[in-house]
Amino acid sequence: MYFYPGQRDSLSAQLDLTVTKAESEQLARALQEEQYFELSQENKKASSRYKQEIGEKESTITRVSKIVTVPSVIVELYNVYFKFKKIHLYLLIQFLGGKS
C-alpha cells in the first residue's frame, strides 16, 4: 500500500489518539462499575437496616397496643403506615436496581 508523504504520520497519530481515547473510556467504565457495585452494597446494607428498624417498630407497636388501651383504629393506622413504608422501600430498591 502506498502512502503520500505525511499521510503515514497522520494515520499513526490518529490511531494513537483513538487507542488513548479507548483506554480512557475503558478506565472510566471500570471506575463506574466499581462505584455501582459499592453503591449497590451500601443500598443492600441500608435496606437491611431499614427493614430491621421497621420490624422493631412494628414489634413495639404490637407490645404497646397490648399493654395500653389504644383505640383499635389508631393501631390499624400505624399498621397501614408501616405496610406502606415496606411497599415504598420495596419500590425504591427496585428503582435503584437492587433487584435480587
PDB file of N, CA and C in Angstrom:
ATOM      1  N   MET A   1       0.849  -1.168   0.000  1.00  0.00           N
ATOM      2  CA  MET A   1       0.000   0.000   0.000  1.00  0.00           C
ATOM      3  C   MET A   1       0.896   1.233   0.000  1.00  0.00           C
ATOM      4  N   TYR A   2       0.531   2.209  -0.800  1.00  0.00           N
ATOM      5  CA  TYR A   2       1.335   3.423  -0.920  1.00  0.00           C
ATOM      6  C   TYR A   2       0.696   4.542  -0.099  1.00  0.00           C
ATOM      7  N   PHE A   3       1.542   5.258   0.634  1.00  0.00           N
ATOM      8  CA  PHE A   3       1.082   6.400   1.424  1.00  0.00           C
ATOM      9  C   PHE A   3       1.759   7.649   0.897  1.00  0.00           C
ATOM     10  N   TYR A   4       1.004   8.720   0.822  1.00  0.00           N
ATOM     11  CA  TYR A   4       1.564  10.008   0.434  1.00  0.00           C
ATOM     12  C   TYR A   4       2.417  10.537   1.564  1.00  0.00           C
ATOM     13  N   PRO A   5       3.323  11.433   1.270  1.00  0.00           N
ATOM     14  CA  PRO A   5       4.176  11.987   2.328  1.00  0.00           C
ATOM     15  C   PRO A   5       3.324  12.592   3.452  1.00  0.00           C
ATOM     16  N   GLY A   6       3.639  12.247   4.670  1.00  0.00           N
ATOM     17  CA  GLY A   6       2.932  12.777   5.830  1.00  0.00           C
ATOM     18  C   GLY A   6       1.663  12.010   6.172  1.00  0.00           C
ATOM     19  N   GLN A   7       1.168  11.244   5.215  1.00  0.00           N
ATOM     20  CA  GLN A   7      -0.081  10.511   5.443  1.00  0.00           C
ATOM     21  C   GLN A   7       0.117   9.426   6.508  1.00  0.00           C
ATOM     22  N   ARG A   8       1.257   8.758   6.446  1.00  0.00           N
ATOM     23  CA  ARG A   8       1.541   7.698   7.417  1.00  0.00           C
ATOM     24  C   ARG A   8       1.607   8.284   8.828  1.00  0.00           C
ATOM     25  N   ASP A   9       2.279   9.427   8.978  1.00  0.00           N
ATOM     26  CA  ASP A   9       2.381  10.061  10.295  1.00  0.00           C
ATOM     27  C   ASP A   9       1.000  10.496  10.802  1.00  0.00           C
ATOM     28  N   SER A  10       0.193  11.012   9.906  1.00  0.00           N
ATOM     29  CA  SER A  10      -1.137  11.458  10.276  1.00  0.00           C
ATOM     30  C   SER A  10      -1.994  10.277  10.722  1.00  0.00           C
ATOM     31  N   LEU A  11      -1.948   9.192   9.962  1.00  0.00           N
ATOM     32  CA  LEU A  11      -2.714   7.997  10.328  1.00  0.00           C
ATOM     33  C   LEU A  11      -2.213   7.405  11.647  1.00  0.00           C
ATOM     34  N   SER A  12      -0.920   7.426  11.839  1.00  0.00           N
ATOM     35  CA  SER A  12      -0.342   6.914  13.083  1.00  0.00           C
ATOM     36  C   SER A  12      -0.790   7.762  14.275  1.00  0.00           C
ATOM     37  N   ALA A  13      -0.823   9.062  14.094  1.00  0.00           N
ATOM     38  CA  ALA A  13      -1.267   9.964  15.161  1.00  0.00           C
ATOM     39  C   ALA A  13      -2.748   9.746  15.463  1.00  0.00           C
ATOM     40  N   GLN A  14      -3.546   9.569  14.417  1.00  0.00           N
ATOM     41  CA  GLN A  14      -4.971   9.308  14.612  1.00  0.00           C
ATOM     42  C   GLN A  14      -5.185   7.981  15.349  1.00  0.00           C
ATOM     43  N   LEU A  15      -4.403   6.978  14.973  1.00  0.00           N
ATOM     44  CA  LEU A  15      -4.508   5.674  15.634  1.00  0.00           C
ATOM     45  C   LEU A  15      -4.126   5.790  17.110  1.00  0.00           C
ATOM     46  N   ASP A  16      -3.032   6.487  17.387  1.00  0.00           N
ATOM     47  CA  ASP A  16      -2.613   6.690  18.775  1.00  0.00           C
ATOM     48  C   ASP A  16      -3.699   7.404  19.579  1.00  0.00           C
ATOM     49  N   LEU A  17      -4.294   8.418  18.985  1.00  0.00           N
ATOM     50  CA  LEU A  17      -5.352   9.169  19.659  1.00  0.00           C
ATOM     51  C   LEU A  17      -6.562   8.283  19.924  1.00  0.00           C
ATOM     52  N   THR A  18      -6.917   7.473  18.948  1.00  0.00           N
ATOM     53  CA  THR A  18      -8.061   6.573  19.098  1.00  0.00           C
ATOM     54  C   THR A  18      -7.798   5.528  20.183  1.00  0.00           C
ATOM     55  N   VAL A  19      -6.608   4.976  20.212  1.00  0.00           N
ATOM     56  CA  VAL A  19      -6.252   3.983  21.234  1.00  0.00           C
ATOM     57  C   VAL A  19      -6.269   4.627  22.621  1.00  0.00           C
ATOM     58  N   THR A  20      -5.725   5.820  22.732  1.00  0.00           N
ATOM     59  CA  THR A  20      -5.718   6.528  24.017  1.00  0.00           C
ATOM     60  C   THR A  20      -7.137   6.805  24.485  1.00  0.00           C
ATOM     61  N   LYS A  21      -7.990   7.243  23.559  1.00  0.00           N
ATOM     62  CA  LYS A  21      -9.382   7.520  23.911  1.00  0.00           C
ATOM     63  C   LYS A  21     -10.092   6.250  24.366  1.00  0.00           C
ATOM     64  N   ALA A  22      -9.866   5.139  23.671  1.00  0.00           N
ATOM     65  CA  ALA A  22     -10.488   3.860  24.033  1.00  0.00           C
ATOM     66  C   ALA A  22     -10.021   3.403  25.413  1.00  0.00           C
ATOM     67  N   GLU A  23      -8.739   3.547  25.692  1.00  0.00           N
ATOM     68  CA  GLU A  23      -8.211   3.167  27.007  1.00  0.00           C
ATOM     69  C   GLU A  23      -8.813   4.039  28.102  1.00  0.00           C
ATOM     70  N   SER A  24      -8.953   5.320  27.826  1.00  0.00           N
ATOM     71  CA  SER A  24      -9.544   6.246  28.792  1.00  0.00           C
ATOM     72  C   SER A  24     -10.998   5.882  29.074  1.00  0.00           C
ATOM     73  N   GLU A  25     -11.739   5.579  28.026  1.00  0.00           N
ATOM     74  CA  GLU A  25     -13.144   5.188  28.189  1.00  0.00           C
ATOM     75  C   GLU A  25     -13.260   3.874  28.940  1.00  0.00           C
ATOM     76  N   GLN A  26     -12.350   2.960  28.682  1.00  0.00           N
ATOM     77  CA  GLN A  26     -12.359   1.671  29.381  1.00  0.00           C
ATOM     78  C   GLN A  26     -12.086   1.881  30.875  1.00  0.00           C
ATOM     79  N   LEU A  27     -11.151   2.743  31.202  1.00  0.00           N
ATOM     80  CA  LEU A  27     -10.843   3.048  32.603  1.00  0.00           C
ATOM     81  C   LEU A  27     -12.035   3.712  33.273  1.00  0.00           C
ATOM     82  N   ALA A  28     -12.671   4.655  32.584  1.00  0.00           N
ATOM     83  CA  ALA A  28     -13.838   5.341  33.147  1.00  0.00           C
ATOM     84  C   ALA A  28     -14.971   4.345  33.399  1.00  0.00           C
ATOM     85  N   ARG A  29     -15.161   3.426  32.485  1.00  0.00           N
ATOM     86  CA  ARG A  29     -16.212   2.411  32.660  1.00  0.00           C
ATOM     87  C   ARG A  29     -15.904   1.519  33.859  1.00  0.00           C
ATOM     88  N   ALA A  30     -14.659   1.116  33.997  1.00  0.00           N
ATOM     89  CA  ALA A  30     -14.277   0.271  35.139  1.00  0.00           C
ATOM     90  C   ALA A  30     -14.527   1.005  36.452  1.00  0.00           C
ATOM     91  N   LEU A  31     -14.211   2.285  36.492  1.00  0.00           N
ATOM     92  CA  LEU A  31     -14.458   3.073  37.698  1.00  0.00           C
ATOM     93  C   LEU A  31     -15.948   3.180  37.990  1.00  0.00           C
ATOM     94  N   GLN A  32     -16.744   3.389  36.957  1.00  0.00           N
ATOM     95  CA  GLN A  32     -18.195   3.477  37.141  1.00  0.00           C
ATOM     96  C   GLN A  32     -18.765   2.149  37.623  1.00  0.00           C
ATOM     97  N   GLU A  33     -18.261   1.040  37.084  1.00  0.00           N
ATOM     98  CA  GLU A  33     -18.741  -0.265  37.526  1.00  0.00           C
ATOM     99  C   GLU A  33     -18.385  -0.498  38.994  1.00  0.00           C
ATOM    100  N   GLU A  34     -17.201  -0.080  39.391  1.00  0.00           N
ATOM    101  CA  GLU A  34     -16.785  -0.226  40.791  1.00  0.00           C
ATOM    102  C   GLU A  34     -17.670   0.631  41.700  1.00  0.00           C
ATOM    103  N   GLN A  35     -17.935   1.859  41.290  1.00  0.00           N
ATOM    104  CA  GLN A  35     -18.802   2.732  42.078  1.00  0.00           C
ATOM    105  C   GLN A  35     -20.211   2.147  42.164  1.00  0.00           C
ATOM    106  N   TYR A  36     -20.714   1.591  41.077  1.00  0.00           N
ATOM    107  CA  TYR A  36     -22.038   0.981  41.070  1.00  0.00           C
ATOM    108  C   TYR A  36     -22.088  -0.186  42.051  1.00  0.00           C
ATOM    109  N   PHE A  37     -21.054  -1.011  42.037  1.00  0.00           N
ATOM    110  CA  PHE A  37     -21.003  -2.149  42.942  1.00  0.00           C
ATOM    111  C   PHE A  37     -21.007  -1.678  44.397  1.00  0.00           C
ATOM    112  N   GLU A  38     -20.194  -0.672  44.706  1.00  0.00           N
ATOM    113  CA  GLU A  38     -20.133  -0.152  46.070  1.00  0.00           C
ATOM    114  C   GLU A  38     -21.477   0.433  46.499  1.00  0.00           C
ATOM    115  N   LEU A  39     -22.111   1.180  45.613  1.00  0.00           N
ATOM    116  CA  LEU A  39     -23.423   1.748  45.929  1.00  0.00           C
ATOM    117  C   LEU A  39     -24.475   0.656  46.109  1.00  0.00           C
ATOM    118  N   SER A  40     -24.398  -0.384  45.318  1.00  0.00           N
ATOM    119  CA  SER A  40     -25.330  -1.496  45.460  1.00  0.00           C
ATOM    120  C   SER A  40     -25.166  -2.156  46.828  1.00  0.00           C
ATOM    121  N   GLN A  41     -23.909  -2.334  47.252  1.00  0.00           N
ATOM    122  CA  GLN A  41     -23.661  -2.927  48.559  1.00  0.00           C
ATOM    123  C   GLN A  41     -24.191  -2.029  49.676  1.00  0.00           C
ATOM    124  N   GLU A  42     -23.939  -0.732  49.560  1.00  0.00           N
ATOM    125  CA  GLU A  42     -24.444   0.217  50.555  1.00  0.00           C
ATOM    126  C   GLU A  42     -25.977   0.199  50.584  1.00  0.00           C
ATOM    127  N   ASN A  43     -26.579   0.116  49.410  1.00  0.00           N
ATOM    128  CA  ASN A  43     -28.039   0.079  49.315  1.00  0.00           C
ATOM    129  C   ASN A  43     -28.595  -1.158  50.012  1.00  0.00           C
ATOM    130  N   LYS A  44     -27.948  -2.295  49.813  1.00  0.00           N
ATOM    131  CA  LYS A  44     -28.408  -3.531  50.447  1.00  0.00           C
ATOM    132  C   LYS A  44     -28.288  -3.433  51.964  1.00  0.00           C
ATOM    133  N   LYS A  45     -27.180  -2.864  52.445  1.00  0.00           N
ATOM    134  CA  LYS A  45     -26.993  -2.709  53.891  1.00  0.00           C
ATOM    135  C   LYS A  45     -28.048  -1.766  54.468  1.00  0.00           C
ATOM    136  N   ALA A  46     -28.262  -0.651  53.792  1.00  0.00           N
ATOM    137  CA  ALA A  46     -29.257   0.318  54.260  1.00  0.00           C
ATOM    138  C   ALA A  46     -30.646  -0.305  54.250  1.00  0.00           C
ATOM    139  N   SER A  47     -30.933  -1.084  53.237  1.00  0.00           N
ATOM    140  CA  SER A  47     -32.228  -1.746  53.139  1.00  0.00           C
ATOM    141  C   SER A  47     -32.405  -2.722  54.297  1.00  0.00           C
ATOM    142  N   SER A  48     -31.388  -3.474  54.616  1.00  0.00           N
ATOM    143  CA  SER A  48     -31.467  -4.423  55.730  1.00  0.00           C
ATOM    144  C   SER A  48     -31.679  -3.691  57.050  1.00  0.00           C
ATOM    145  N   ARG A  49     -30.936  -2.610  57.244  1.00  0.00           N
ATOM    146  CA  ARG A  49     -31.106  -1.830  58.475  1.00  0.00           C
ATOM    147  C   ARG A  49     -32.519  -1.274  58.560  1.00  0.00           C
ATOM    148  N   TYR A  50     -33.013  -0.762  57.441  1.00  0.00           N
ATOM    149  CA  TYR A  50     -34.348  -0.180  57.414  1.00  0.00           C
ATOM    150  C   TYR A  50     -35.400  -1.236  57.734  1.00  0.00           C
ATOM    151  N   LYS A  51     -35.263  -2.410  57.134  1.00  0.00           N
ATOM    152  CA  LYS A  51     -36.211  -3.494  57.396  1.00  0.00           C
ATOM    153  C   LYS A  51     -36.175  -3.889  58.870  1.00  0.00           C
ATOM    154  N   GLN A  52     -34.975  -3.933  59.442  1.00  0.00           N
ATOM    155  CA  GLN A  52     -34.849  -4.280  60.852  1.00  0.00           C
ATOM    156  C   GLN A  52     -35.523  -3.219  61.724  1.00  0.00           C
ATOM    157  N   GLU A  53     -35.310  -1.957  61.400  1.00  0.00           N
ATOM    158  CA  GLU A  53     -35.936  -0.871  62.156  1.00  0.00           C
ATOM    159  C   GLU A  53     -37.458  -0.959  62.072  1.00  0.00           C
ATOM    160  N   ILE A  54     -37.976  -1.229  60.893  1.00  0.00           N
ATOM    161  CA  ILE A  54     -39.428  -1.357  60.721  1.00  0.00           C
ATOM    162  C   ILE A  54     -39.940  -2.514  61.569  1.00  0.00           C
ATOM    163  N   GLY A  55     -39.226  -3.626  61.547  1.00  0.00           N
ATOM    164  CA  GLY A  55     -39.637  -4.778  62.348  1.00  0.00           C
ATOM    165  C   GLY A  55     -39.663  -4.452  63.831  1.00  0.00           C
ATOM    166  N   GLU A  56     -38.638  -3.728  64.278  1.00  0.00           N
ATOM    167  CA  GLU A  56     -38.585  -3.338  65.686  1.00  0.00           C
ATOM    168  C   GLU A  56     -39.738  -2.398  66.037  1.00  0.00           C
ATOM    169  N   LYS A  57     -40.025  -1.464  65.156  1.00  0.00           N
ATOM    170  CA  LYS A  57     -41.131  -0.528  65.415  1.00  0.00           C
ATOM    171  C   LYS A  57     -42.474  -1.255  65.431  1.00  0.00           C
ATOM    172  N   GLU A  58     -42.655  -2.180  64.505  1.00  0.00           N
ATOM    173  CA  GLU A  58     -43.894  -2.955  64.486  1.00  0.00           C
ATOM    174  C   GLU A  58     -44.039  -3.764  65.765  1.00  0.00           C
ATOM    175  N   SER A  59     -42.938  -4.335  66.211  1.00  0.00           N
ATOM    176  CA  SER A  59     -42.951  -5.112  67.449  1.00  0.00           C
ATOM    177  C   SER A  59     -43.305  -4.219  68.638  1.00  0.00           C
ATOM    178  N   THR A  60     -42.730  -3.037  68.694  1.00  0.00           N
ATOM    179  CA  THR A  60     -43.026  -2.088  69.764  1.00  0.00           C
ATOM    180  C   THR A  60     -44.489  -1.695  69.752  1.00  0.00           C
ATOM    181  N   ILE A  61     -45.002  -1.412  68.585  1.00  0.00           N
ATOM    182  CA  ILE A  61     -46.412  -1.029  68.470  1.00  0.00           C
ATOM    183  C   ILE A  61     -47.301  -2.172  68.954  1.00  0.00           C
ATOM    184  N   THR A  62     -46.955  -3.383  68.571  1.00  0.00           N
ATOM    185  CA  THR A  62     -47.745  -4.536  68.997  1.00  0.00           C
ATOM    186  C   THR A  62     -47.721  -4.674  70.516  1.00  0.00           C
ATOM    187  N   ARG A  63     -46.516  -4.555  71.112  1.00  0.00           N
ATOM    188  CA  ARG A  63     -46.404  -4.652  72.575  1.00  0.00           C
ATOM    189  C   ARG A  63     -47.183  -3.545  73.262  1.00  0.00           C
ATOM    190  N   VAL A  64     -47.013  -2.316  72.775  1.00  0.00           N
ATOM    191  CA  VAL A  64     -47.689  -1.172  73.398  1.00  0.00           C
ATOM    192  C   VAL A  64     -49.193  -1.303  73.262  1.00  0.00           C
ATOM    193  N   SER A  65     -49.640  -1.745  72.113  1.00  0.00           N
ATOM    194  CA  SER A  65     -51.090  -1.855  71.919  1.00  0.00           C
ATOM    195  C   SER A  65     -51.701  -2.913  72.832  1.00  0.00           C
ATOM    196  N   LYS A  66     -50.903  -3.894  73.255  1.00  0.00           N
ATOM    197  CA  LYS A  66     -51.402  -4.905  74.183  1.00  0.00           C
ATOM    198  C   LYS A  66     -51.388  -4.392  75.621  1.00  0.00           C
ATOM    199  N   ILE A  67     -50.415  -3.530  75.930  1.00  0.00           N
ATOM    200  CA  ILE A  67     -50.271  -3.013  77.296  1.00  0.00           C
ATOM    201  C   ILE A  67     -51.236  -1.859  77.553  1.00  0.00           C
ATOM    202  N   VAL A  68     -51.240  -0.916  76.658  1.00  0.00           N
ATOM    203  CA  VAL A  68     -52.052   0.287  76.807  1.00  0.00           C
ATOM    204  C   VAL A  68     -53.312   0.128  75.976  1.00  0.00           C
ATOM    205  N   THR A  69     -54.403   0.560  76.518  1.00  0.00           N
ATOM    206  CA  THR A  69     -55.643   0.502  75.766  1.00  0.00           C
ATOM    207  C   THR A  69     -55.651   1.647  74.762  1.00  0.00           C
ATOM    208  N   VAL A  70     -55.415   1.302  73.518  1.00  0.00           N
ATOM    209  CA  VAL A  70     -55.384   2.281  72.434  1.00  0.00           C
ATOM    210  C   VAL A  70     -56.519   1.910  71.495  1.00  0.00           C
ATOM    211  N   PRO A  71     -57.258   2.890  71.088  1.00  0.00           N
ATOM    212  CA  PRO A  71     -58.341   2.564  70.150  1.00  0.00           C
ATOM    213  C   PRO A  71     -57.797   1.779  68.953  1.00  0.00           C
ATOM    214  N   SER A  72     -58.510   0.758  68.583  1.00  0.00           N
ATOM    215  CA  SER A  72     -58.052  -0.119  67.506  1.00  0.00           C
ATOM    216  C   SER A  72     -57.862   0.621  66.180  1.00  0.00           C
ATOM    217  N   VAL A  73     -58.546   1.708  65.994  1.00  0.00           N
ATOM    218  CA  VAL A  73     -58.398   2.477  64.747  1.00  0.00           C
ATOM    219  C   VAL A  73     -56.985   3.043  64.654  1.00  0.00           C
ATOM    220  N   ILE A  74     -56.458   3.546  65.771  1.00  0.00           N
ATOM    221  CA  ILE A  74     -55.107   4.116  65.762  1.00  0.00           C
ATOM    222  C   ILE A  74     -54.078   3.026  65.488  1.00  0.00           C
ATOM    223  N   VAL A  75     -54.230   1.891  66.131  1.00  0.00           N
ATOM    224  CA  VAL A  75     -53.313   0.772  65.891  1.00  0.00           C
ATOM    225  C   VAL A  75     -53.366   0.361  64.426  1.00  0.00           C
ATOM    226  N   GLU A  76     -54.542   0.286  63.867  1.00  0.00           N
ATOM    227  CA  GLU A  76     -54.689  -0.091  62.465  1.00  0.00           C
ATOM    228  C   GLU A  76     -54.036   0.942  61.551  1.00  0.00           C
ATOM    229  N   LEU A  77     -54.154   2.215  61.899  1.00  0.00           N
ATOM    230  CA  LEU A  77     -53.499   3.264  61.102  1.00  0.00           C
ATOM    231  C   LEU A  77     -51.986   3.098  61.119  1.00  0.00           C
ATOM    232  N   TYR A  78     -51.439   2.803  62.283  1.00  0.00           N
ATOM    233  CA  TYR A  78     -49.995   2.568  62.361  1.00  0.00           C
ATOM    234  C   TYR A  78     -49.603   1.354  61.533  1.00  0.00           C
ATOM    235  N   ASN A  79     -50.387   0.299  61.606  1.00  0.00           N
ATOM    236  CA  ASN A  79     -50.087  -0.906  60.818  1.00  0.00           C
ATOM    237  C   ASN A  79     -50.127  -0.599  59.322  1.00  0.00           C
ATOM    238  N   VAL A  80     -51.116   0.138  58.896  1.00  0.00           N
ATOM    239  CA  VAL A  80     -51.217   0.520  57.478  1.00  0.00           C
ATOM    240  C   VAL A  80     -50.017   1.381  57.089  1.00  0.00           C
ATOM    241  N   TYR A  81     -49.641   2.308  57.951  1.00  0.00           N
ATOM    242  CA  TYR A  81     -48.497   3.179  57.692  1.00  0.00           C
ATOM    243  C   TYR A  81     -47.226   2.347  57.475  1.00  0.00           C
ATOM    244  N   PHE A  82     -46.969   1.376  58.342  1.00  0.00           N
ATOM    245  CA  PHE A  82     -45.748   0.586  58.198  1.00  0.00           C
ATOM    246  C   PHE A  82     -45.810  -0.341  56.993  1.00  0.00           C
ATOM    247  N   LYS A  83     -46.985  -0.810  56.648  1.00  0.00           N
ATOM    248  CA  LYS A  83     -47.125  -1.598  55.419  1.00  0.00           C
ATOM    249  C   LYS A  83     -46.810  -0.720  54.214  1.00  0.00           C
ATOM    250  N   PHE A  84     -47.287   0.501  54.239  1.00  0.00           N
ATOM    251  CA  PHE A  84     -46.983   1.460  53.166  1.00  0.00           C
ATOM    252  C   PHE A  84     -45.481   1.694  53.080  1.00  0.00           C
ATOM    253  N   LYS A  85     -44.819   1.856  54.227  1.00  0.00           N
ATOM    254  CA  LYS A  85     -43.370   2.087  54.227  1.00  0.00           C
ATOM    255  C   LYS A  85     -42.632   0.881  53.646  1.00  0.00           C
ATOM    256  N   LYS A  86     -43.108  -0.333  53.937  1.00  0.00           N
ATOM    257  CA  LYS A  86     -42.485  -1.532  53.371  1.00  0.00           C
ATOM    258  C   LYS A  86     -42.612  -1.527  51.852  1.00  0.00           C
ATOM    259  N   ILE A  87     -43.791  -1.211  51.368  1.00  0.00           N
ATOM    260  CA  ILE A  87     -44.018  -1.159  49.919  1.00  0.00           C
ATOM    261  C   ILE A  87     -43.148  -0.070  49.300  1.00  0.00           C
ATOM    262  N   HIS A  88     -43.068   1.059  49.950  1.00  0.00           N
ATOM    263  CA  HIS A  88     -42.235   2.166  49.470  1.00  0.00           C
ATOM    264  C   HIS A  88     -40.777   1.720  49.377  1.00  0.00           C
ATOM    265  N   LEU A  89     -40.272   1.045  50.405  1.00  0.00           N
ATOM    266  CA  LEU A  89     -38.898   0.556  50.395  1.00  0.00           C
ATOM    267  C   LEU A  89     -38.684  -0.436  49.254  1.00  0.00           C
ATOM    268  N   TYR A  90     -39.626  -1.350  49.075  1.00  0.00           N
ATOM    269  CA  TYR A  90     -39.515  -2.329  48.007  1.00  0.00           C
ATOM    270  C   TYR A  90     -39.424  -1.636  46.643  1.00  0.00           C
ATOM    271  N   LEU A  91     -40.293  -0.671  46.417  1.00  0.00           N
ATOM    272  CA  LEU A  91     -40.283   0.040  45.135  1.00  0.00           C
ATOM    273  C   LEU A  91     -39.008   0.842  44.961  1.00  0.00           C
ATOM    274  N   LEU A  92     -38.525   1.435  46.033  1.00  0.00           N
ATOM    275  CA  LEU A  92     -37.278   2.194  45.977  1.00  0.00           C
ATOM    276  C   LEU A  92     -36.112   1.284  45.618  1.00  0.00           C
ATOM    277  N   ILE A  93     -36.061   0.118  46.231  1.00  0.00           N
ATOM    278  CA  ILE A  93     -34.993  -0.840  45.932  1.00  0.00           C
ATOM    279  C   ILE A  93     -35.077  -1.277  44.475  1.00  0.00           C
ATOM    280  N   GLN A  94     -36.290  -1.532  43.993  1.00  0.00           N
ATOM    281  CA  GLN A  94     -36.458  -1.931  42.601  1.00  0.00           C
ATOM    282  C   GLN A  94     -35.993  -0.825  41.666  1.00  0.00           C
ATOM    283  N   PHE A  95     -36.338   0.408  42.000  1.00  0.00           N
ATOM    284  CA  PHE A  95     -35.984   1.557  41.179  1.00  0.00           C
ATOM    285  C   PHE A  95     -34.482   1.767  41.151  1.00  0.00           C
ATOM    286  N   LEU A  96     -33.810   1.574  42.278  1.00  0.00           N
ATOM    287  CA  LEU A  96     -32.364   1.802  42.357  1.00  0.00           C
ATOM    288  C   LEU A  96     -31.555   0.634  41.805  1.00  0.00           C
ATOM    289  N   GLY A  97     -32.230  -0.402  41.402  1.00  0.00           N
ATOM    290  CA  GLY A  97     -31.513  -1.514  40.783  1.00  0.00           C
ATOM    291  C   GLY A  97     -31.110  -2.593  41.756  1.00  0.00           C
ATOM    292  N   GLY A  98     -31.707  -2.651  42.891  1.00  0.00           N
ATOM    293  CA  GLY A  98     -31.374  -3.652  43.886  1.00  0.00           C
ATOM    294  C   GLY A  98     -32.127  -4.951  43.686  1.00  0.00           C
ATOM    295  N   LYS A  99     -32.475  -5.255  42.468  1.00  0.00           N
ATOM    296  CA  LYS A  99     -33.230  -6.480  42.182  1.00  0.00           C
ATOM    297  C   LYS A  99     -32.354  -7.675  42.493  1.00  0.00           C
ATOM    298  N   SER A 100     -32.830  -8.512  43.375  1.00  0.00           N
ATOM    299  CA  SER A 100     -32.046  -9.700  43.755  1.00  0.00           C
ATOM    300  C   SER A 100     -32.814 -10.941  43.411  1.00  0.00           C
TER     301      SER A 100
END
